[in-house]
Amino acid sequence: MHAEVRAEGTPGSWAGLWLRLALRAMINPRLAVDLLRVLWAFRARQWYRRPPFLPLPPAAYIRWRMYTAYGDEAAVPPLEDVIRFARWRRRVMHL
């Protein structure tokens, strides 16, 4: 069994990333809004019709995004990459 690898090559997990993002969002409400907007934009179509009935992105889409960004579909992005993307999206889309 292999451990998931973050983009920079150190072991990481999606659960760990979610936890670190949640902690940063609690400290910075503007970041919380940015992250929620990213999550909402990437949600699966008709998410409310399929369990777990949460507005989450499709797994295949996330694998594709990780492959195109980091060259490995099992990569877990670094915390700062996610934060940087959320802030960039707000500035570019004028949200």
Protein backbone atom coordinates (compact mmCIF):
# COMPACT_ATOMS: atom_id res chain seq x y z
CA MET A 1 0.00 0.00 0.00
CA HIS A 2 1.46 3.36 -0.96
CA ALA A 3 1.05 6.63 0.92
CA GLU A 4 -0.36 9.61 -0.89
CA VAL A 5 2.28 12.10 -1.89
CA ARG A 6 1.94 15.86 -1.87
CA ALA A 7 3.20 17.74 -4.86
CA GLU A 8 6.49 18.64 -3.20
CA GLY A 9 7.17 14.98 -2.44
CA THR A 10 6.39 14.75 1.26
CA PRO A 11 3.64 12.44 2.54
CA GLY A 12 0.27 14.09 2.91
CA SER A 13 -3.41 13.37 2.83
CA TRP A 14 -6.58 15.04 1.69
CA ALA A 15 -7.93 14.87 5.26
CA GLY A 16 -4.84 16.67 6.51
CA LEU A 17 -5.19 19.32 3.81
CA TRP A 18 -8.88 19.86 4.67
CA LEU A 19 -8.01 20.20 8.35
CA ARG A 20 -5.22 22.72 7.72
CA LEU A 21 -7.49 24.70 5.37
CA ALA A 22 -10.25 24.75 7.98
CA LEU A 23 -7.84 26.04 10.62
CA ARG A 24 -6.56 28.78 8.34
CA ALA A 25 -10.15 29.70 7.39
CA MET A 26 -11.12 30.08 11.06
CA ILE A 27 -8.32 32.60 11.49
CA ASN A 28 -9.06 34.46 8.25
CA PRO A 29 -12.76 34.91 7.34
CA ARG A 30 -11.90 36.37 3.89
CA LEU A 31 -9.99 33.17 3.11
CA ALA A 32 -12.97 31.12 4.33
CA VAL A 33 -15.21 32.88 1.80
CA ASP A 34 -12.65 32.38 -0.97
CA LEU A 35 -12.34 28.65 -0.21
CA LEU A 36 -16.10 28.15 -0.05
CA ARG A 37 -16.48 29.86 -3.42
CA VAL A 38 -13.86 27.57 -4.95
CA LEU A 39 -15.59 24.52 -3.51
CA TRP A 40 -18.96 25.71 -4.81
CA ALA A 41 -17.56 26.41 -8.28
CA PHE A 42 -16.07 22.90 -8.53
CA ARG A 43 -19.13 21.03 -7.21
CA ALA A 44 -20.53 18.11 -9.16
CA ARG A 45 -23.60 18.78 -11.24
CA GLN A 46 -26.78 17.62 -9.57
CA TRP A 47 -24.84 16.77 -6.39
CA TYR A 48 -28.10 16.83 -4.43
CA ARG A 49 -29.31 13.69 -6.26
CA ARG A 50 -26.45 11.37 -5.26
CA PRO A 51 -25.06 10.30 -1.89
CA PRO A 52 -23.40 11.73 0.12
CA PHE A 53 -25.59 14.70 -0.99
CA LEU A 54 -22.75 17.20 -0.56
CA PRO A 55 -21.60 19.79 -3.11
CA LEU A 56 -18.20 18.18 -3.67
CA PRO A 57 -16.22 17.96 -6.91
CA PRO A 58 -16.25 14.65 -8.80
CA ALA A 59 -13.28 12.42 -7.92
CA ALA A 60 -12.36 12.01 -11.60
CA TYR A 61 -12.17 15.80 -11.97
CA ILE A 62 -9.90 16.12 -8.95
CA ARG A 63 -7.61 13.36 -10.27
CA TRP A 64 -7.41 15.16 -13.62
CA ARG A 65 -6.67 18.50 -11.93
CA MET A 66 -3.89 16.93 -9.85
CA TYR A 67 -2.42 15.21 -12.90
CA THR A 68 -2.40 18.41 -14.97
CA ALA A 69 -1.03 20.50 -12.11
CA TYR A 70 1.47 18.12 -10.50
CA GLY A 71 1.95 15.22 -12.92
CA ASP A 72 0.43 12.71 -10.51
CA GLU A 73 -3.28 12.11 -10.15
CA ALA A 74 -2.77 10.93 -6.55
CA ALA A 75 -0.99 14.16 -5.54
CA VAL A 76 -2.30 16.23 -2.66
CA PRO A 77 -1.67 19.92 -3.31
CA PRO A 78 0.34 21.95 -0.83
CA LEU A 79 -1.69 24.16 1.48
CA GLU A 80 -0.23 27.36 0.07
CA ASP A 81 -1.10 26.35 -3.52
CA VAL A 82 -4.78 25.97 -2.59
CA ILE A 83 -4.81 29.28 -0.72
CA ARG A 84 -2.98 31.05 -3.54
CA PHE A 85 -5.47 29.69 -6.10
CA ALA A 86 -8.51 30.74 -4.03
CA ARG A 87 -7.15 34.28 -3.65
CA TRP A 88 -6.13 34.47 -7.32
CA ARG A 89 -9.62 33.36 -8.38
CA ARG A 90 -11.20 36.11 -6.27
CA ARG A 91 -8.96 38.79 -7.79
CA VAL A 92 -9.37 37.60 -11.39
CA MET A 93 -13.13 37.05 -11.19
CA HIS A 94 -13.68 40.19 -9.08
CA LEU A 95 -15.61 38.27 -6.43
